[in-house]
Amino acid sequence: MFTALTNGWPIATGIIEGACRHIVNDRMDTTGARWGLHGAQAILTLRALVSNGDFNTYWHYHHNQEHHRVHHTQYRDSDQPAA
């Protein structure tokens, strides 16, 4: 960082701080909110996906993975139970 500053290169701390405020602080610093690590990670992941415009791609991937986990791994080799 010192090299960047001495050369007059941008270090983008304002952009990073703004993103942290937008993604993290605005959601996690709500009065009375109590967050566990797993819940906070899930919410921050979703907020980052929405902010980046990647939510629809992620949701399609997530839906396919969940479908595979629930259905395909339960009935390997089409060995479905009789109704």
PDB file of N, CA and C in Angstrom:
ATOM      1  N   MET A   1       0.825  -1.181   0.000  1.00  0.00           N
ATOM      2  CA  MET A   1       0.000   0.000   0.000  1.00  0.00           C
ATOM      3  C   MET A   1       0.873   1.250   0.000  1.00  0.00           C
ATOM      4  N   PHE A   2       1.986   1.235   0.733  1.00  0.00           N
ATOM      5  CA  PHE A   2       2.860   2.397   0.781  1.00  0.00           C
ATOM      6  C   PHE A   2       3.401   2.731  -0.607  1.00  0.00           C
ATOM      7  N   THR A   3       3.745   1.705  -1.379  1.00  0.00           N
ATOM      8  CA  THR A   3       4.231   1.923  -2.743  1.00  0.00           C
ATOM      9  C   THR A   3       3.162   2.581  -3.597  1.00  0.00           C
ATOM     10  N   ALA A   4       1.942   2.120  -3.458  1.00  0.00           N
ATOM     11  CA  ALA A   4       0.836   2.699  -4.228  1.00  0.00           C
ATOM     12  C   ALA A   4       0.647   4.171  -3.867  1.00  0.00           C
ATOM     13  N   LEU A   5       0.687   4.480  -2.595  1.00  0.00           N
ATOM     14  CA  LEU A   5       0.509   5.873  -2.166  1.00  0.00           C
ATOM     15  C   LEU A   5       1.645   6.765  -2.646  1.00  0.00           C
ATOM     16  N   THR A   6       2.867   6.289  -2.552  1.00  0.00           N
ATOM     17  CA  THR A   6       3.999   7.118  -2.978  1.00  0.00           C
ATOM     18  C   THR A   6       4.011   7.324  -4.483  1.00  0.00           C
ATOM     19  N   ASN A   7       3.465   6.383  -5.232  1.00  0.00           N
ATOM     20  CA  ASN A   7       3.392   6.526  -6.682  1.00  0.00           C
ATOM     21  C   ASN A   7       2.121   7.235  -7.143  1.00  0.00           C
ATOM     22  N   GLY A   8       1.244   7.572  -6.204  1.00  0.00           N
ATOM     23  CA  GLY A   8       0.016   8.257  -6.554  1.00  0.00           C
ATOM     24  C   GLY A   8      -1.046   7.359  -7.153  1.00  0.00           C
ATOM     25  N   TRP A   9      -0.906   6.061  -6.972  1.00  0.00           N
ATOM     26  CA  TRP A   9      -1.889   5.123  -7.493  1.00  0.00           C
ATOM     27  C   TRP A   9      -3.109   5.088  -6.575  1.00  0.00           C
ATOM     28  N   PRO A  10      -4.281   4.869  -7.125  1.00  0.00           N
ATOM     29  CA  PRO A  10      -5.471   4.774  -6.268  1.00  0.00           C
ATOM     30  C   PRO A  10      -5.450   3.480  -5.465  1.00  0.00           C
ATOM     31  N   ILE A  11      -5.899   3.555  -4.237  1.00  0.00           N
ATOM     32  CA  ILE A  11      -5.940   2.349  -3.411  1.00  0.00           C
ATOM     33  C   ILE A  11      -7.366   1.906  -3.107  1.00  0.00           C
ATOM     34  N   ALA A  12      -8.343   2.667  -3.533  1.00  0.00           N
ATOM     35  CA  ALA A  12      -9.758   2.291  -3.518  1.00  0.00           C
ATOM     36  C   ALA A  12     -10.323   1.978  -2.139  1.00  0.00           C
ATOM     37  N   THR A  13      -9.762   2.581  -1.086  1.00  0.00           N
ATOM     38  CA  THR A  13     -10.314   2.298   0.235  1.00  0.00           C
ATOM     39  C   THR A  13     -11.728   2.847   0.374  1.00  0.00           C
ATOM     40  N   GLY A  14     -12.032   3.946  -0.268  1.00  0.00           N
ATOM     41  CA  GLY A  14     -13.381   4.503  -0.198  1.00  0.00           C
ATOM     42  C   GLY A  14     -14.401   3.572  -0.817  1.00  0.00           C
ATOM     43  N   ILE A  15     -14.045   2.968  -1.928  1.00  0.00           N
ATOM     44  CA  ILE A  15     -14.942   2.024  -2.594  1.00  0.00           C
ATOM     45  C   ILE A  15     -15.165   0.797  -1.717  1.00  0.00           C
ATOM     46  N   ILE A  16     -14.106   0.293  -1.131  1.00  0.00           N
ATOM     47  CA  ILE A  16     -14.203  -0.885  -0.276  1.00  0.00           C
ATOM     48  C   ILE A  16     -15.004  -0.572   0.983  1.00  0.00           C
ATOM     49  N   GLU A  17     -14.735   0.574   1.587  1.00  0.00           N
ATOM     50  CA  GLU A  17     -15.491   0.950   2.783  1.00  0.00           C
ATOM     51  C   GLU A  17     -16.971   1.146   2.456  1.00  0.00           C
ATOM     52  N   GLY A  18     -17.263   1.735   1.302  1.00  0.00           N
ATOM     53  CA  GLY A  18     -18.652   1.917   0.888  1.00  0.00           C
ATOM     54  C   GLY A  18     -19.353   0.587   0.681  1.00  0.00           C
ATOM     55  N   ALA A  19     -18.660  -0.363   0.064  1.00  0.00           N
ATOM     56  CA  ALA A  19     -19.234  -1.691  -0.154  1.00  0.00           C
ATOM     57  C   ALA A  19     -19.476  -2.398   1.177  1.00  0.00           C
ATOM     58  N   CYS A  20     -18.525  -2.285   2.083  1.00  0.00           N
ATOM     59  CA  CYS A  20     -18.704  -2.902   3.405  1.00  0.00           C
ATOM     60  C   CYS A  20     -19.890  -2.285   4.129  1.00  0.00           C
ATOM     61  N   ARG A  21     -20.023  -0.981   4.048  1.00  0.00           N
ATOM     62  CA  ARG A  21     -21.155  -0.323   4.689  1.00  0.00           C
ATOM     63  C   ARG A  21     -22.462  -0.797   4.070  1.00  0.00           C
ATOM     64  N   HIS A  22     -22.490  -0.842   2.756  1.00  0.00           N
ATOM     65  CA  HIS A  22     -23.718  -1.231   2.042  1.00  0.00           C
ATOM     66  C   HIS A  22     -24.069  -2.697   2.274  1.00  0.00           C
ATOM     67  N   ILE A  23     -23.124  -3.583   2.124  1.00  0.00           N
ATOM     68  CA  ILE A  23     -23.384  -5.018   2.206  1.00  0.00           C
ATOM     69  C   ILE A  23     -23.478  -5.490   3.657  1.00  0.00           C
ATOM     70  N   VAL A  24     -22.557  -5.056   4.488  1.00  0.00           N
ATOM     71  CA  VAL A  24     -22.456  -5.615   5.835  1.00  0.00           C
ATOM     72  C   VAL A  24     -23.161  -4.753   6.874  1.00  0.00           C
ATOM     73  N   ASN A  25     -22.699  -3.537   7.049  1.00  0.00           N
ATOM     74  CA  ASN A  25     -23.149  -2.726   8.168  1.00  0.00           C
ATOM     75  C   ASN A  25     -24.633  -2.391   8.103  1.00  0.00           C
ATOM     76  N   ASP A  26     -25.152  -2.051   6.934  1.00  0.00           N
ATOM     77  CA  ASP A  26     -26.567  -1.697   6.837  1.00  0.00           C
ATOM     78  C   ASP A  26     -27.475  -2.838   7.274  1.00  0.00           C
ATOM     79  N   ARG A  27     -27.039  -4.070   7.129  1.00  0.00           N
ATOM     80  CA  ARG A  27     -27.872  -5.217   7.493  1.00  0.00           C
ATOM     81  C   ARG A  27     -27.556  -5.753   8.877  1.00  0.00           C
ATOM     82  N   MET A  28     -26.279  -5.846   9.209  1.00  0.00           N
ATOM     83  CA  MET A  28     -25.880  -6.489  10.458  1.00  0.00           C
ATOM     84  C   MET A  28     -26.008  -5.571  11.672  1.00  0.00           C
ATOM     85  N   ASP A  29     -25.984  -4.279  11.450  1.00  0.00           N
ATOM     86  CA  ASP A  29     -25.975  -3.331  12.563  1.00  0.00           C
ATOM     87  C   ASP A  29     -27.375  -2.781  12.838  1.00  0.00           C
ATOM     88  N   THR A  30     -28.374  -3.642  12.773  1.00  0.00           N
ATOM     89  CA  THR A  30     -29.748  -3.255  13.059  1.00  0.00           C
ATOM     90  C   THR A  30     -29.977  -3.367  14.568  1.00  0.00           C
ATOM     91  N   THR A  31     -30.591  -2.372  15.152  1.00  0.00           N
ATOM     92  CA  THR A  31     -30.835  -2.368  16.580  1.00  0.00           C
ATOM     93  C   THR A  31     -31.646  -3.595  16.983  1.00  0.00           C
ATOM     94  N   GLY A  32     -31.150  -4.295  17.985  1.00  0.00           N
ATOM     95  CA  GLY A  32     -31.846  -5.461  18.506  1.00  0.00           C
ATOM     96  C   GLY A  32     -31.589  -6.753  17.745  1.00  0.00           C
ATOM     97  N   ALA A  33     -30.887  -6.683  16.629  1.00  0.00           N
ATOM     98  CA  ALA A  33     -30.621  -7.896  15.848  1.00  0.00           C
ATOM     99  C   ALA A  33     -29.527  -8.716  16.522  1.00  0.00           C
ATOM    100  N   ARG A  34     -29.713 -10.006  16.481  1.00  0.00           N
ATOM    101  CA  ARG A  34     -28.702 -10.924  16.999  1.00  0.00           C
ATOM    102  C   ARG A  34     -28.412 -11.941  15.920  1.00  0.00           C
ATOM    103  N   TRP A  35     -27.174 -12.015  15.506  1.00  0.00           N
ATOM    104  CA  TRP A  35     -26.798 -12.869  14.392  1.00  0.00           C
ATOM    105  C   TRP A  35     -25.837 -13.945  14.853  1.00  0.00           C
ATOM    106  N   GLY A  36     -26.121 -15.163  14.437  1.00  0.00           N
ATOM    107  CA  GLY A  36     -25.150 -16.231  14.578  1.00  0.00           C
ATOM    108  C   GLY A  36     -24.277 -16.241  13.333  1.00  0.00           C
ATOM    109  N   LEU A  37     -23.184 -16.929  13.382  1.00  0.00           N
ATOM    110  CA  LEU A  37     -22.240 -16.957  12.261  1.00  0.00           C
ATOM    111  C   LEU A  37     -22.879 -17.502  10.988  1.00  0.00           C
ATOM    112  N   HIS A  38     -23.615 -18.601  11.081  1.00  0.00           N
ATOM    113  CA  HIS A  38     -24.201 -19.211   9.882  1.00  0.00           C
ATOM    114  C   HIS A  38     -25.287 -18.324   9.274  1.00  0.00           C
ATOM    115  N   GLY A  39     -26.137 -17.751  10.094  1.00  0.00           N
ATOM    116  CA  GLY A  39     -27.190 -16.870   9.592  1.00  0.00           C
ATOM    117  C   GLY A  39     -26.623 -15.607   8.960  1.00  0.00           C
ATOM    118  N   ALA A  40     -25.625 -15.030   9.608  1.00  0.00           N
ATOM    119  CA  ALA A  40     -24.997 -13.823   9.066  1.00  0.00           C
ATOM    120  C   ALA A  40     -24.321 -14.121   7.734  1.00  0.00           C
ATOM    121  N   GLN A  41     -23.628 -15.257   7.646  1.00  0.00           N
ATOM    122  CA  GLN A  41     -22.959 -15.627   6.398  1.00  0.00           C
ATOM    123  C   GLN A  41     -23.962 -15.824   5.279  1.00  0.00           C
ATOM    124  N   ALA A  42     -25.089 -16.458   5.569  1.00  0.00           N
ATOM    125  CA  ALA A  42     -26.112 -16.685   4.549  1.00  0.00           C
ATOM    126  C   ALA A  42     -26.684 -15.369   4.040  1.00  0.00           C
ATOM    127  N   ILE A  43     -27.005 -14.455   4.944  1.00  0.00           N
ATOM    128  CA  ILE A  43     -27.573 -13.164   4.546  1.00  0.00           C
ATOM    129  C   ILE A  43     -26.560 -12.347   3.765  1.00  0.00           C
ATOM    130  N   LEU A  44     -25.318 -12.312   4.211  1.00  0.00           N
ATOM    131  CA  LEU A  44     -24.301 -11.528   3.502  1.00  0.00           C
ATOM    132  C   LEU A  44     -24.016 -12.094   2.120  1.00  0.00           C
ATOM    133  N   THR A  45     -24.045 -13.415   1.991  1.00  0.00           N
ATOM    134  CA  THR A  45     -23.861 -14.027   0.673  1.00  0.00           C
ATOM    135  C   THR A  45     -24.971 -13.602  -0.273  1.00  0.00           C
ATOM    136  N   LEU A  46     -26.208 -13.678   0.200  1.00  0.00           N
ATOM    137  CA  LEU A  46     -27.342 -13.269  -0.639  1.00  0.00           C
ATOM    138  C   LEU A  46     -27.281 -11.787  -0.989  1.00  0.00           C
ATOM    139  N   ARG A  47     -26.917 -10.932  -0.031  1.00  0.00           N
ATOM    140  CA  ARG A  47     -26.818  -9.496  -0.316  1.00  0.00           C
ATOM    141  C   ARG A  47     -25.728  -9.211  -1.353  1.00  0.00           C
ATOM    142  N   ALA A  48     -24.615  -9.925  -1.266  1.00  0.00           N
ATOM    143  CA  ALA A  48     -23.539  -9.746  -2.243  1.00  0.00           C
ATOM    144  C   ALA A  48     -23.988 -10.213  -3.624  1.00  0.00           C
ATOM    145  N   LEU A  49     -24.687 -11.330  -3.698  1.00  0.00           N
ATOM    146  CA  LEU A  49     -25.180 -11.831  -4.985  1.00  0.00           C
ATOM    147  C   LEU A  49     -26.161 -10.854  -5.625  1.00  0.00           C
ATOM    148  N   VAL A  50     -27.055 -10.299  -4.828  1.00  0.00           N
ATOM    149  CA  VAL A  50     -28.026  -9.328  -5.352  1.00  0.00           C
ATOM    150  C   VAL A  50     -27.295  -8.070  -5.816  1.00  0.00           C
ATOM    151  N   SER A  51     -26.358  -7.575  -5.001  1.00  0.00           N
ATOM    152  CA  SER A  51     -25.626  -6.355  -5.358  1.00  0.00           C
ATOM    153  C   SER A  51     -24.793  -6.519  -6.627  1.00  0.00           C
ATOM    154  N   ASN A  52     -24.260  -7.713  -6.840  1.00  0.00           N
ATOM    155  CA  ASN A  52     -23.424  -7.975  -8.020  1.00  0.00           C
ATOM    156  C   ASN A  52     -24.232  -8.327  -9.258  1.00  0.00           C
ATOM    157  N   GLY A  53     -25.537  -8.519  -9.082  1.00  0.00           N
ATOM    158  CA  GLY A  53     -26.375  -8.912 -10.214  1.00  0.00           C
ATOM    159  C   GLY A  53     -26.264 -10.380 -10.561  1.00  0.00           C
ATOM    160  N   ASP A  54     -25.740 -11.192  -9.634  1.00  0.00           N
ATOM    161  CA  ASP A  54     -25.528 -12.613  -9.889  1.00  0.00           C
ATOM    162  C   ASP A  54     -26.571 -13.509  -9.231  1.00  0.00           C
ATOM    163  N   PHE A  55     -27.605 -12.928  -8.623  1.00  0.00           N
ATOM    164  CA  PHE A  55     -28.546 -13.738  -7.862  1.00  0.00           C
ATOM    165  C   PHE A  55     -29.276 -14.759  -8.730  1.00  0.00           C
ATOM    166  N   ASN A  56     -29.755 -14.363  -9.898  1.00  0.00           N
ATOM    167  CA  ASN A  56     -30.511 -15.303 -10.744  1.00  0.00           C
ATOM    168  C   ASN A  56     -29.660 -16.492 -11.164  1.00  0.00           C
ATOM    169  N   THR A  57     -28.407 -16.258 -11.510  1.00  0.00           N
ATOM    170  CA  THR A  57     -27.498 -17.349 -11.878  1.00  0.00           C
ATOM    171  C   THR A  57     -27.266 -18.261 -10.689  1.00  0.00           C
ATOM    172  N   TYR A  58     -27.029 -17.653  -9.526  1.00  0.00           N
ATOM    173  CA  TYR A  58     -26.830 -18.443  -8.311  1.00  0.00           C
ATOM    174  C   TYR A  58     -28.070 -19.261  -7.980  1.00  0.00           C
ATOM    175  N   TRP A  59     -29.246 -18.643  -8.061  1.00  0.00           N
ATOM    176  CA  TRP A  59     -30.468 -19.339  -7.672  1.00  0.00           C
ATOM    177  C   TRP A  59     -30.732 -20.533  -8.582  1.00  0.00           C
ATOM    178  N   HIS A  60     -30.459 -20.398  -9.870  1.00  0.00           N
ATOM    179  CA  HIS A  60     -30.606 -21.513 -10.800  1.00  0.00           C
ATOM    180  C   HIS A  60     -29.660 -22.652 -10.392  1.00  0.00           C
ATOM    181  N   TYR A  61     -28.414 -22.326 -10.103  1.00  0.00           N
ATOM    182  CA  TYR A  61     -27.431 -23.319  -9.658  1.00  0.00           C
ATOM    183  C   TYR A  61     -27.887 -23.971  -8.350  1.00  0.00           C
ATOM    184  N   HIS A  62     -28.296 -23.151  -7.386  1.00  0.00           N
ATOM    185  CA  HIS A  62     -28.728 -23.653  -6.076  1.00  0.00           C
ATOM    186  C   HIS A  62     -29.928 -24.593  -6.232  1.00  0.00           C
ATOM    187  N   HIS A  63     -30.891 -24.207  -7.029  1.00  0.00           N
ATOM    188  CA  HIS A  63     -32.090 -25.026  -7.250  1.00  0.00           C
ATOM    189  C   HIS A  63     -31.712 -26.379  -7.855  1.00  0.00           C
ATOM    190  N   ASN A  64     -30.833 -26.383  -8.843  1.00  0.00           N
ATOM    191  CA  ASN A  64     -30.392 -27.648  -9.457  1.00  0.00           C
ATOM    192  C   ASN A  64     -29.651 -28.531  -8.465  1.00  0.00           C
ATOM    193  N   GLN A  65     -28.790 -27.923  -7.650  1.00  0.00           N
ATOM    194  CA  GLN A  65     -28.049 -28.699  -6.654  1.00  0.00           C
ATOM    195  C   GLN A  65     -28.985 -29.297  -5.610  1.00  0.00           C
ATOM    196  N   GLU A  66     -29.964 -28.514  -5.166  1.00  0.00           N
ATOM    197  CA  GLU A  66     -30.921 -29.005  -4.180  1.00  0.00           C
ATOM    198  C   GLU A  66     -31.779 -30.129  -4.762  1.00  0.00           C
ATOM    199  N   HIS A  67     -32.206 -29.976  -5.999  1.00  0.00           N
ATOM    200  CA  HIS A  67     -32.987 -31.021  -6.662  1.00  0.00           C
ATOM    201  C   HIS A  67     -32.174 -32.311  -6.742  1.00  0.00           C
ATOM    202  N   HIS A  68     -30.925 -32.186  -7.128  1.00  0.00           N
ATOM    203  CA  HIS A  68     -30.053 -33.360  -7.214  1.00  0.00           C
ATOM    204  C   HIS A  68     -29.871 -33.994  -5.831  1.00  0.00           C
ATOM    205  N   ARG A  69     -29.628 -33.174  -4.821  1.00  0.00           N
ATOM    206  CA  ARG A  69     -29.408 -33.691  -3.469  1.00  0.00           C
ATOM    207  C   ARG A  69     -30.639 -34.417  -2.943  1.00  0.00           C
ATOM    208  N   VAL A  70     -31.799 -33.846  -3.156  1.00  0.00           N
ATOM    209  CA  VAL A  70     -33.021 -34.417  -2.599  1.00  0.00           C
ATOM    210  C   VAL A  70     -33.515 -35.613  -3.393  1.00  0.00           C
ATOM    211  N   HIS A  71     -33.461 -35.537  -4.704  1.00  0.00           N
ATOM    212  CA  HIS A  71     -34.085 -36.576  -5.521  1.00  0.00           C
ATOM    213  C   HIS A  71     -33.100 -37.597  -6.092  1.00  0.00           C
ATOM    214  N   HIS A  72     -32.082 -37.141  -6.760  1.00  0.00           N
ATOM    215  CA  HIS A  72     -31.191 -38.075  -7.461  1.00  0.00           C
ATOM    216  C   HIS A  72     -30.367 -38.933  -6.517  1.00  0.00           C
ATOM    217  N   THR A  73     -29.916 -38.385  -5.425  1.00  0.00           N
ATOM    218  CA  THR A  73     -29.109 -39.195  -4.514  1.00  0.00           C
ATOM    219  C   THR A  73     -29.963 -40.143  -3.693  1.00  0.00           C
ATOM    220  N   GLN A  74     -31.267 -39.885  -3.592  1.00  0.00           N
ATOM    221  CA  GLN A  74     -32.162 -40.774  -2.851  1.00  0.00           C
ATOM    222  C   GLN A  74     -32.518 -42.020  -3.658  1.00  0.00           C
ATOM    223  N   TYR A  75     -32.565 -41.879  -4.962  1.00  0.00           N
ATOM    224  CA  TYR A  75     -33.022 -42.967  -5.825  1.00  0.00           C
ATOM    225  C   TYR A  75     -31.962 -43.280  -6.874  1.00  0.00           C
ATOM    226  N   ARG A  76     -30.846 -43.764  -6.430  1.00  0.00           N
ATOM    227  CA  ARG A  76     -29.770 -44.110  -7.352  1.00  0.00           C
ATOM    228  C   ARG A  76     -30.217 -45.207  -8.304  1.00  0.00           C
ATOM    229  N   ASP A  77     -29.739 -45.115  -9.512  1.00  0.00           N
ATOM    230  CA  ASP A  77     -30.015 -46.125 -10.548  1.00  0.00           C
ATOM    231  C   ASP A  77     -31.513 -46.351 -10.759  1.00  0.00           C
ATOM    232  N   SER A  78     -32.290 -45.307 -10.617  1.00  0.00           N
ATOM    233  CA  SER A  78     -33.754 -45.352 -10.824  1.00  0.00           C
ATOM    234  C   SER A  78     -34.433 -46.389  -9.931  1.00  0.00           C
ATOM    235  N   ASP A  79     -33.866 -46.643  -8.793  1.00  0.00           N
ATOM    236  CA  ASP A  79     -34.435 -47.603  -7.848  1.00  0.00           C
ATOM    237  C   ASP A  79     -35.410 -46.878  -6.932  1.00  0.00           C
ATOM    238  N   GLN A  80     -36.529 -46.441  -7.523  1.00  0.00           N
ATOM    239  CA  GLN A  80     -37.509 -45.693  -6.770  1.00  0.00           C
ATOM    240  C   GLN A  80     -38.441 -46.654  -6.051  1.00  0.00           C
ATOM    241  N   PRO A  81     -38.847 -46.311  -4.846  1.00  0.00           N
ATOM    242  CA  PRO A  81     -39.754 -47.204  -4.107  1.00  0.00           C
ATOM    243  C   PRO A  81     -41.122 -47.253  -4.767  1.00  0.00           C
ATOM    244  N   ALA A  82     -41.809 -48.365  -4.586  1.00  0.00           N
ATOM    245  CA  ALA A  82     -43.166 -48.507  -5.147  1.00  0.00           C
ATOM    246  C   ALA A  82     -44.110 -47.580  -4.411  1.00  0.00           C
ATOM    247  N   ALA A  83     -45.052 -47.037  -5.138  1.00  0.00           N
ATOM    248  CA  ALA A  83     -46.011 -46.105  -4.544  1.00  0.00           C
ATOM    249  C   ALA A  83     -47.032 -46.817  -3.710  1.00  0.00           C
TER     250      ALA A  83
END
